[in-house]
Structure formats: C-alpha cells, structure tokens
All heavy atoms as atom14 arrays in JSON, in Angstrom:
{
  "sequence": "YLQSDPDAVDSTEIQIIDASGGTDIAALYASLQLQPLDIIVG",
  "atom14_mask": [
    [1, 1, 1, 1, 1, 1, 1, 1, 1, 1, 1, 1, 0, 0],
    [1, 1, 1, 1, 1, 1, 1, 1, 0, 0, 0, 0, 0, 0],
    [1, 1, 1, 1, 1, 1, 1, 1, 1, 0, 0, 0, 0, 0],
    [1, 1, 1, 1, 1, 1, 0, 0, 0, 0, 0, 0, 0, 0],
    [1, 1, 1, 1, 1, 1, 1, 1, 0, 0, 0, 0, 0, 0],
    [1, 1, 1, 1, 1, 1, 1, 0, 0, 0, 0, 0, 0, 0],
    [1, 1, 1, 1, 1, 1, 1, 1, 0, 0, 0, 0, 0, 0],
    [1, 1, 1, 1, 1, 0, 0, 0, 0, 0, 0, 0, 0, 0],
    [1, 1, 1, 1, 1, 1, 1, 0, 0, 0, 0, 0, 0, 0],
    [1, 1, 1, 1, 1, 1, 1, 1, 0, 0, 0, 0, 0, 0],
    [1, 1, 1, 1, 1, 1, 0, 0, 0, 0, 0, 0, 0, 0],
    [1, 1, 1, 1, 1, 1, 1, 0, 0, 0, 0, 0, 0, 0],
    [1, 1, 1, 1, 1, 1, 1, 1, 1, 0, 0, 0, 0, 0],
    [1, 1, 1, 1, 1, 1, 1, 1, 0, 0, 0, 0, 0, 0],
    [1, 1, 1, 1, 1, 1, 1, 1, 1, 0, 0, 0, 0, 0],
    [1, 1, 1, 1, 1, 1, 1, 1, 0, 0, 0, 0, 0, 0],
    [1, 1, 1, 1, 1, 1, 1, 1, 0, 0, 0, 0, 0, 0],
    [1, 1, 1, 1, 1, 1, 1, 1, 0, 0, 0, 0, 0, 0],
    [1, 1, 1, 1, 1, 0, 0, 0, 0, 0, 0, 0, 0, 0],
    [1, 1, 1, 1, 1, 1, 0, 0, 0, 0, 0, 0, 0, 0],
    [1, 1, 1, 1, 0, 0, 0, 0, 0, 0, 0, 0, 0, 0],
    [1, 1, 1, 1, 0, 0, 0, 0, 0, 0, 0, 0, 0, 0],
    [1, 1, 1, 1, 1, 1, 1, 0, 0, 0, 0, 0, 0, 0],
    [1, 1, 1, 1, 1, 1, 1, 1, 0, 0, 0, 0, 0, 0],
    [1, 1, 1, 1, 1, 1, 1, 1, 0, 0, 0, 0, 0, 0],
    [1, 1, 1, 1, 1, 0, 0, 0, 0, 0, 0, 0, 0, 0],
    [1, 1, 1, 1, 1, 0, 0, 0, 0, 0, 0, 0, 0, 0],
    [1, 1, 1, 1, 1, 1, 1, 1, 0, 0, 0, 0, 0, 0],
    [1, 1, 1, 1, 1, 1, 1, 1, 1, 1, 1, 1, 0, 0],
    [1, 1, 1, 1, 1, 0, 0, 0, 0, 0, 0, 0, 0, 0],
    [1, 1, 1, 1, 1, 1, 0, 0, 0, 0, 0, 0, 0, 0],
    [1, 1, 1, 1, 1, 1, 1, 1, 0, 0, 0, 0, 0, 0],
    [1, 1, 1, 1, 1, 1, 1, 1, 1, 0, 0, 0, 0, 0],
    [1, 1, 1, 1, 1, 1, 1, 1, 0, 0, 0, 0, 0, 0],
    [1, 1, 1, 1, 1, 1, 1, 1, 1, 0, 0, 0, 0, 0],
    [1, 1, 1, 1, 1, 1, 1, 0, 0, 0, 0, 0, 0, 0],
    [1, 1, 1, 1, 1, 1, 1, 1, 0, 0, 0, 0, 0, 0],
    [1, 1, 1, 1, 1, 1, 1, 1, 0, 0, 0, 0, 0, 0],
    [1, 1, 1, 1, 1, 1, 1, 1, 0, 0, 0, 0, 0, 0],
    [1, 1, 1, 1, 1, 1, 1, 1, 0, 0, 0, 0, 0, 0],
    [1, 1, 1, 1, 1, 1, 1, 0, 0, 0, 0, 0, 0, 0],
    [1, 1, 1, 1, 0, 0, 0, 0, 0, 0, 0, 0, 0, 0]
  ],
  "atom14_positions": [
    [[-21.7, -45.1, -33.18], [-22.99, -44.41, -33.28], [-23.15, -43.76, -34.65], [-24.18, -43.9, -35.3], [-23.07, -43.4, -32.15], [-24.2, -42.4, -32.23], [-25.51, -42.8, -31.97], [-23.96, -41.07, -32.54], [-26.55, -41.89, -32.03], [-25.0, -40.16, -32.58], [-26.28, -40.56, -32.34], [-27.31, -39.66, -32.39], [0.0, 0.0, 0.0], [0.0, 0.0, 0.0]],
    [[-22.13, -43.06, -35.09], [-22.21, -42.34, -36.36], [-22.24, -43.28, -37.56], [-22.75, -42.91, -38.62], [-21.05, -41.36, -36.48], [-21.07, -40.2, -35.49], [-19.79, -39.39, -35.59], [-22.3, -39.34, -35.68], [0.0, 0.0, 0.0], [0.0, 0.0, 0.0], [0.0, 0.0, 0.0], [0.0, 0.0, 0.0], [0.0, 0.0, 0.0], [0.0, 0.0, 0.0]],
    [[-21.73, -44.5, -37.41], [-21.73, -45.46, -38.51], [-22.95, -46.38, -38.47], [-23.12, -47.2, -39.35], [-20.46, -46.32, -38.45], [-19.21, -45.53, -38.75], [-17.95, -46.37, -38.62], [-18.0, -47.57, -38.41], [-16.81, -45.72, -38.74], [0.0, 0.0, 0.0], [0.0, 0.0, 0.0], [0.0, 0.0, 0.0], [0.0, 0.0, 0.0], [0.0, 0.0, 0.0]],
    [[-23.8, -46.2, -37.48], [-24.96, -47.08, -37.35], [-26.06, -46.68, -38.33], [-25.93, -45.75, -39.12], [-25.5, -47.04, -35.92], [-26.03, -45.77, -35.62], [0.0, 0.0, 0.0], [0.0, 0.0, 0.0], [0.0, 0.0, 0.0], [0.0, 0.0, 0.0], [0.0, 0.0, 0.0], [0.0, 0.0, 0.0], [0.0, 0.0, 0.0], [0.0, 0.0, 0.0]],
    [[-27.15, -47.37, -38.25], [-28.33, -47.12, -39.08], [-28.75, -45.65, -38.96], [-28.92, -45.15, -37.86], [-29.44, -48.06, -38.59], [-30.75, -47.87, -39.32], [-30.76, -47.24, -40.39], [-31.76, -48.37, -38.81], [0.0, 0.0, 0.0], [0.0, 0.0, 0.0], [0.0, 0.0, 0.0], [0.0, 0.0, 0.0], [0.0, 0.0, 0.0], [0.0, 0.0, 0.0]],
    [[-28.93, -44.95, -40.07], [-29.31, -43.53, -40.01], [-30.57, -43.27, -39.19], [-30.68, -42.24, -38.53], [-29.51, -43.14, -41.48], [-28.7, -44.12, -42.25], [-28.74, -45.4, -41.44], [0.0, 0.0, 0.0], [0.0, 0.0, 0.0], [0.0, 0.0, 0.0], [0.0, 0.0, 0.0], [0.0, 0.0, 0.0], [0.0, 0.0, 0.0], [0.0, 0.0, 0.0]],
    [[-31.52, -44.19, -39.23], [-32.73, -44.0, -38.43], [-32.41, -44.04, -36.95], [-32.99, -43.31, -36.15], [-33.78, -45.07, -38.77], [-34.32, -44.92, -40.18], [-34.3, -43.78, -40.7], [-34.74, -45.94, -40.75], [0.0, 0.0, 0.0], [0.0, 0.0, 0.0], [0.0, 0.0, 0.0], [0.0, 0.0, 0.0], [0.0, 0.0, 0.0], [0.0, 0.0, 0.0]],
    [[-31.47, -44.9, -36.56], [-31.07, -44.99, -35.15], [-30.35, -43.72, -34.73], [-30.55, -43.23, -33.62], [-30.2, -46.21, -34.92], [0.0, 0.0, 0.0], [0.0, 0.0, 0.0], [0.0, 0.0, 0.0], [0.0, 0.0, 0.0], [0.0, 0.0, 0.0], [0.0, 0.0, 0.0], [0.0, 0.0, 0.0], [0.0, 0.0, 0.0], [0.0, 0.0, 0.0]],
    [[-29.51, -43.18, -35.6], [-28.77, -41.96, -35.27], [-29.75, -40.81, -35.03], [-29.58, -40.03, -34.11], [-27.76, -41.61, -36.38], [-27.17, -40.23, -36.17], [-26.66, -42.67, -36.44], [0.0, 0.0, 0.0], [0.0, 0.0, 0.0], [0.0, 0.0, 0.0], [0.0, 0.0, 0.0], [0.0, 0.0, 0.0], [0.0, 0.0, 0.0], [0.0, 0.0, 0.0]],
    [[-30.78, -40.72, -35.85], [-31.74, -39.63, -35.69], [-32.58, -39.76, -34.42], [-33.06, -38.76, -33.9], [-32.67, -39.58, -36.91], [-31.95, -39.1, -38.16], [-30.87, -38.48, -38.03], [-32.46, -39.36, -39.26], [0.0, 0.0, 0.0], [0.0, 0.0, 0.0], [0.0, 0.0, 0.0], [0.0, 0.0, 0.0], [0.0, 0.0, 0.0], [0.0, 0.0, 0.0]],
    [[-32.77, -40.97, -33.93], [-33.66, -41.16, -32.78], [-32.93, -41.49, -31.49], [-33.57, -41.73, -30.47], [-34.67, -42.28, -33.09], [-33.98, -43.51, -33.26], [0.0, 0.0, 0.0], [0.0, 0.0, 0.0], [0.0, 0.0, 0.0], [0.0, 0.0, 0.0], [0.0, 0.0, 0.0], [0.0, 0.0, 0.0], [0.0, 0.0, 0.0], [0.0, 0.0, 0.0]],
    [[-31.61, -41.49, -31.51], [-30.83, -41.86, -30.33], [-30.11, -40.63, -29.79], [-29.53, -39.87, -30.54], [-29.79, -42.94, -30.7], [-30.47, -44.07, -31.22], [-28.99, -43.36, -29.49], [0.0, 0.0, 0.0], [0.0, 0.0, 0.0], [0.0, 0.0, 0.0], [0.0, 0.0, 0.0], [0.0, 0.0, 0.0], [0.0, 0.0, 0.0], [0.0, 0.0, 0.0]],
    [[-30.14, -40.51, -28.48], [-29.43, -39.41, -27.83], [-28.36, -40.01, -26.94], [-28.62, -40.95, -26.19], [-30.38, -38.58, -26.98], [-29.71, -37.45, -26.27], [-30.66, -36.64, -25.4], [-31.87, -36.68, -25.64], [-30.18, -35.99, -24.47], [0.0, 0.0, 0.0], [0.0, 0.0, 0.0], [0.0, 0.0, 0.0], [0.0, 0.0, 0.0], [0.0, 0.0, 0.0]],
    [[-27.16, -39.5, -27.04], [-26.05, -39.92, -26.19], [-25.7, -38.77, -25.28], [-25.53, -37.64, -25.73], [-24.82, -40.33, -27.03], [-25.16, -41.53, -27.91], [-23.63, -40.61, -26.13], [-24.04, -41.93, -28.84], [0.0, 0.0, 0.0], [0.0, 0.0, 0.0], [0.0, 0.0, 0.0], [0.0, 0.0, 0.0], [0.0, 0.0, 0.0], [0.0, 0.0, 0.0]],
    [[-25.59, -39.07, -24.0], [-25.2, -38.07, -23.02], [-23.87, -38.51, -22.44], [-23.74, -39.63, -21.95], [-26.26, -37.99, -21.91], [-25.96, -36.98, -20.85], [-27.06, -36.95, -19.79], [-27.98, -37.74, -19.79], [-26.94, -36.03, -18.87], [0.0, 0.0, 0.0], [0.0, 0.0, 0.0], [0.0, 0.0, 0.0], [0.0, 0.0, 0.0], [0.0, 0.0, 0.0]],
    [[-22.85, -37.66, -22.51], [-21.53, -37.99, -22.0], [-21.29, -37.18, -20.73], [-21.42, -35.95, -20.73], [-20.44, -37.68, -23.05], [-20.68, -38.54, -24.29], [-19.05, -37.91, -22.46], [-19.82, -38.19, -25.46], [0.0, 0.0, 0.0], [0.0, 0.0, 0.0], [0.0, 0.0, 0.0], [0.0, 0.0, 0.0], [0.0, 0.0, 0.0], [0.0, 0.0, 0.0]],
    [[-20.94, -37.9, -19.67], [-20.67, -37.27, -18.38], [-19.26, -37.68, -17.95], [-18.98, -38.88, -17.85], [-21.69, -37.71, -17.32], [-23.09, -37.3, -17.75], [-21.34, -37.12, -15.95], [-24.19, -37.89, -16.91], [0.0, 0.0, 0.0], [0.0, 0.0, 0.0], [0.0, 0.0, 0.0], [0.0, 0.0, 0.0], [0.0, 0.0, 0.0], [0.0, 0.0, 0.0]],
    [[-18.41, -36.73, -17.68], [-17.06, -37.02, -17.19], [-17.15, -37.25, -15.69], [-17.37, -36.32, -14.92], [-16.13, -35.85, -17.51], [-14.69, -36.1, -17.08], [-14.42, -37.15, -16.45], [-13.84, -35.25, -17.36], [0.0, 0.0, 0.0], [0.0, 0.0, 0.0], [0.0, 0.0, 0.0], [0.0, 0.0, 0.0], [0.0, 0.0, 0.0], [0.0, 0.0, 0.0]],
    [[-17.0, -38.5, -15.28], [-17.12, -38.85, -13.87], [-15.75, -39.01, -13.22], [-15.64, -39.6, -12.14], [-17.94, -40.14, -13.71], [0.0, 0.0, 0.0], [0.0, 0.0, 0.0], [0.0, 0.0, 0.0], [0.0, 0.0, 0.0], [0.0, 0.0, 0.0], [0.0, 0.0, 0.0], [0.0, 0.0, 0.0], [0.0, 0.0, 0.0], [0.0, 0.0, 0.0]],
    [[-14.71, -38.52, -13.86], [-13.38, -38.6, -13.27], [-13.19, -37.48, -12.27], [-14.02, -36.58, -12.16], [-12.32, -38.52, -14.36], [-12.4, -37.29, -15.04], [0.0, 0.0, 0.0], [0.0, 0.0, 0.0], [0.0, 0.0, 0.0], [0.0, 0.0, 0.0], [0.0, 0.0, 0.0], [0.0, 0.0, 0.0], [0.0, 0.0, 0.0], [0.0, 0.0, 0.0]],
    [[-12.14, -37.55, -11.52], [-11.81, -36.46, -10.61], [-12.6, -36.48, -9.32], [-12.97, -35.42, -8.81], [0.0, 0.0, 0.0], [0.0, 0.0, 0.0], [0.0, 0.0, 0.0], [0.0, 0.0, 0.0], [0.0, 0.0, 0.0], [0.0, 0.0, 0.0], [0.0, 0.0, 0.0], [0.0, 0.0, 0.0], [0.0, 0.0, 0.0], [0.0, 0.0, 0.0]],
    [[-12.88, -37.65, -8.77], [-13.51, -37.73, -7.46], [-15.02, -37.61, -7.45], [-15.61, -37.3, -6.43], [0.0, 0.0, 0.0], [0.0, 0.0, 0.0], [0.0, 0.0, 0.0], [0.0, 0.0, 0.0], [0.0, 0.0, 0.0], [0.0, 0.0, 0.0], [0.0, 0.0, 0.0], [0.0, 0.0, 0.0], [0.0, 0.0, 0.0], [0.0, 0.0, 0.0]],
    [[-15.66, -37.83, -8.57], [-17.12, -37.78, -8.64], [-17.72, -38.83, -7.71], [-17.25, -39.97, -7.67], [-17.59, -38.04, -10.09], [-17.06, -37.02, -10.92], [-19.1, -38.06, -10.18], [0.0, 0.0, 0.0], [0.0, 0.0, 0.0], [0.0, 0.0, 0.0], [0.0, 0.0, 0.0], [0.0, 0.0, 0.0], [0.0, 0.0, 0.0], [0.0, 0.0, 0.0]],
    [[-18.75, -38.47, -6.97], [-19.49, -39.41, -6.14], [-20.37, -40.25, -7.06], [-21.43, -39.81, -7.49], [-20.33, -38.66, -5.1], [-21.14, -39.57, -4.2], [-21.23, -40.79, -4.46], [-21.69, -39.06, -3.22], [0.0, 0.0, 0.0], [0.0, 0.0, 0.0], [0.0, 0.0, 0.0], [0.0, 0.0, 0.0], [0.0, 0.0, 0.0], [0.0, 0.0, 0.0]],
    [[-19.9, -41.45, -7.38], [-20.58, -42.27, -8.37], [-21.96, -42.7, -7.9], [-22.89, -42.81, -8.7], [-19.7, -43.48, -8.79], [-20.16, -44.06, -10.12], [-19.67, -44.53, -7.71], [-19.97, -43.17, -11.3], [0.0, 0.0, 0.0], [0.0, 0.0, 0.0], [0.0, 0.0, 0.0], [0.0, 0.0, 0.0], [0.0, 0.0, 0.0], [0.0, 0.0, 0.0]],
    [[-22.14, -42.91, -6.61], [-23.46, -43.3, -6.09], [-24.47, -42.17, -6.31], [-25.6, -42.41, -6.74], [-23.38, -43.68, -4.62], [0.0, 0.0, 0.0], [0.0, 0.0, 0.0], [0.0, 0.0, 0.0], [0.0, 0.0, 0.0], [0.0, 0.0, 0.0], [0.0, 0.0, 0.0], [0.0, 0.0, 0.0], [0.0, 0.0, 0.0], [0.0, 0.0, 0.0]],
    [[-24.07, -40.94, -6.03], [-24.96, -39.79, -6.24], [-25.23, -39.59, -7.73], [-26.38, -39.31, -8.12], [-24.35, -38.54, -5.63], [0.0, 0.0, 0.0], [0.0, 0.0, 0.0], [0.0, 0.0, 0.0], [0.0, 0.0, 0.0], [0.0, 0.0, 0.0], [0.0, 0.0, 0.0], [0.0, 0.0, 0.0], [0.0, 0.0, 0.0], [0.0, 0.0, 0.0]],
    [[-24.22, -39.73, -8.55], [-24.4, -39.57, -9.99], [-25.34, -40.65, -10.52], [-26.26, -40.35, -11.28], [-23.05, -39.65, -10.72], [-23.1, -39.6, -12.25], [-23.79, -38.34, -12.75], [-21.69, -39.72, -12.82], [0.0, 0.0, 0.0], [0.0, 0.0, 0.0], [0.0, 0.0, 0.0], [0.0, 0.0, 0.0], [0.0, 0.0, 0.0], [0.0, 0.0, 0.0]],
    [[-25.15, -41.89, -10.1], [-26.0, -42.99, -10.55], [-27.44, -42.75, -10.13], [-28.37, -42.96, -10.91], [-25.47, -44.32, -10.02], [-26.07, -45.52, -10.7], [-25.6, -45.95, -11.93], [-27.11, -46.24, -10.12], [-26.14, -47.05, -12.57], [-27.66, -47.34, -10.76], [-27.17, -47.74, -11.97], [-27.72, -48.83, -12.6], [0.0, 0.0, 0.0], [0.0, 0.0, 0.0]],
    [[-27.63, -42.27, -8.9], [-28.99, -41.98, -8.42], [-29.63, -40.89, -9.27], [-30.82, -40.98, -9.62], [-28.95, -41.57, -6.95], [0.0, 0.0, 0.0], [0.0, 0.0, 0.0], [0.0, 0.0, 0.0], [0.0, 0.0, 0.0], [0.0, 0.0, 0.0], [0.0, 0.0, 0.0], [0.0, 0.0, 0.0], [0.0, 0.0, 0.0], [0.0, 0.0, 0.0]],
    [[-28.87, -39.86, -9.63], [-29.44, -38.78, -10.44], [-29.76, -39.28, -11.85], [-30.74, -38.84, -12.46], [-28.51, -37.58, -10.49], [-27.36, -37.84, -11.25], [0.0, 0.0, 0.0], [0.0, 0.0, 0.0], [0.0, 0.0, 0.0], [0.0, 0.0, 0.0], [0.0, 0.0, 0.0], [0.0, 0.0, 0.0], [0.0, 0.0, 0.0], [0.0, 0.0, 0.0]],
    [[-28.97, -40.21, -12.36], [-29.24, -40.75, -13.69], [-30.51, -41.59, -13.7], [-31.16, -41.71, -14.74], [-28.05, -41.57, -14.19], [-26.78, -40.78, -14.49], [-25.62, -41.72, -14.81], [-27.0, -39.79, -15.61], [0.0, 0.0, 0.0], [0.0, 0.0, 0.0], [0.0, 0.0, 0.0], [0.0, 0.0, 0.0], [0.0, 0.0, 0.0], [0.0, 0.0, 0.0]],
    [[-30.88, -42.17, -12.57], [-32.09, -42.98, -12.49], [-33.35, -42.14, -12.69], [-34.42, -42.68, -12.97], [-32.17, -43.72, -11.15], [-31.05, -44.72, -10.93], [-30.84, -45.65, -12.11], [-31.76, -46.33, -12.54], [-29.64, -45.67, -12.64], [0.0, 0.0, 0.0], [0.0, 0.0, 0.0], [0.0, 0.0, 0.0], [0.0, 0.0, 0.0], [0.0, 0.0, 0.0]],
    [[-33.23, -40.83, -12.56], [-34.37, -39.94, -12.75], [-34.62, -39.64, -14.23], [-35.61, -39.0, -14.56], [-34.13, -38.63, -11.98], [-33.9, -38.78, -10.48], [-33.54, -37.44, -9.86], [-35.1, -39.4, -9.8], [0.0, 0.0, 0.0], [0.0, 0.0, 0.0], [0.0, 0.0, 0.0], [0.0, 0.0, 0.0], [0.0, 0.0, 0.0], [0.0, 0.0, 0.0]],
    [[-33.73, -40.12, -15.08], [-33.84, -39.89, -16.52], [-34.26, -41.18, -17.22], [-33.92, -42.26, -16.75], [-32.5, -39.41, -17.09], [-32.0, -38.13, -16.46], [-30.66, -37.74, -17.04], [-30.4, -37.9, -18.22], [-29.79, -37.21, -16.19], [0.0, 0.0, 0.0], [0.0, 0.0, 0.0], [0.0, 0.0, 0.0], [0.0, 0.0, 0.0], [0.0, 0.0, 0.0]],
    [[-34.96, -41.07, -18.34], [-35.36, -42.28, -19.08], [-34.2, -42.81, -19.94], [-34.15, -42.59, -21.15], [-36.52, -41.78, -19.94], [-36.2, -40.35, -20.19], [-35.52, -39.85, -18.93], [0.0, 0.0, 0.0], [0.0, 0.0, 0.0], [0.0, 0.0, 0.0], [0.0, 0.0, 0.0], [0.0, 0.0, 0.0], [0.0, 0.0, 0.0], [0.0, 0.0, 0.0]],
    [[-33.26, -43.5, -19.32], [-32.09, -44.02, -20.03], [-32.27, -45.49, -20.37], [-32.87, -46.25, -19.62], [-30.84, -43.86, -19.14], [-30.54, -42.44, -18.66], [-29.35, -42.46, -17.71], [-30.27, -41.54, -19.84], [0.0, 0.0, 0.0], [0.0, 0.0, 0.0], [0.0, 0.0, 0.0], [0.0, 0.0, 0.0], [0.0, 0.0, 0.0], [0.0, 0.0, 0.0]],
    [[-31.7, -45.89, -21.51], [-31.72, -47.3, -21.91], [-30.54, -48.06, -21.32], [-30.65, -49.23, -21.0], [-31.68, -47.42, -23.43], [-32.94, -46.88, -24.08], [-34.04, -47.08, -23.52], [-32.83, -46.25, -25.15], [0.0, 0.0, 0.0], [0.0, 0.0, 0.0], [0.0, 0.0, 0.0], [0.0, 0.0, 0.0], [0.0, 0.0, 0.0], [0.0, 0.0, 0.0]],
    [[-29.39, -47.4, -21.21], [-28.19, -48.05, -20.7], [-27.23, -46.99, -20.17], [-27.23, -45.85, -20.64], [-27.49, -48.89, -21.81], [-26.35, -49.72, -21.23], [-27.04, -48.02, -22.96], [-25.79, -50.75, -22.18], [0.0, 0.0, 0.0], [0.0, 0.0, 0.0], [0.0, 0.0, 0.0], [0.0, 0.0, 0.0], [0.0, 0.0, 0.0], [0.0, 0.0, 0.0]],
    [[-26.45, -47.39, -19.18], [-25.38, -46.55, -18.65], [-24.08, -47.28, -18.94], [-23.95, -48.48, -18.65], [-25.55, -46.32, -17.13], [-26.83, -45.53, -16.86], [-24.32, -45.61, -16.56], [-27.19, -45.41, -15.4], [0.0, 0.0, 0.0], [0.0, 0.0, 0.0], [0.0, 0.0, 0.0], [0.0, 0.0, 0.0], [0.0, 0.0, 0.0], [0.0, 0.0, 0.0]],
    [[-23.1, -46.58, -19.51], [-21.79, -47.16, -19.79], [-20.78, -46.44, -18.91], [-20.62, -45.24, -18.99], [-21.42, -47.01, -21.28], [-20.04, -47.6, -21.54], [-22.47, -47.67, -22.16], [0.0, 0.0, 0.0], [0.0, 0.0, 0.0], [0.0, 0.0, 0.0], [0.0, 0.0, 0.0], [0.0, 0.0, 0.0], [0.0, 0.0, 0.0], [0.0, 0.0, 0.0]],
    [[-20.13, -47.19, -18.05], [-19.16, -46.63, -17.13], [-19.59, -46.94, -15.7], [-20.64, -47.54, -15.5], [0.0, 0.0, 0.0], [0.0, 0.0, 0.0], [0.0, 0.0, 0.0], [0.0, 0.0, 0.0], [0.0, 0.0, 0.0], [0.0, 0.0, 0.0], [0.0, 0.0, 0.0], [0.0, 0.0, 0.0], [0.0, 0.0, 0.0], [0.0, 0.0, 0.0]]
  ]
}
C-alpha cells in the first residue's frame, strides 16, 4: 500500500480487524457488509 501510486494511497482506506481468538466470523462478515468495502482479505 505504501509503495503504491501516491494518488491511490491518498484515496484508499485500509481497516485492519484482528479476527483471531474465537471471533464469530459470520457475525463479523455480516457487520462488514454494512460498510462500503471494495474487498475483504481474510
């Protein structure tokens, strides 16, 4: 991300969520659907 096109860095937001430790992935995925995301990694 930091080495990418400077215009992309200025207009891109990355959200990091630690889903380890017994996180209910179905509930987390459902909550992420309420946000305008381009992609989910993990």
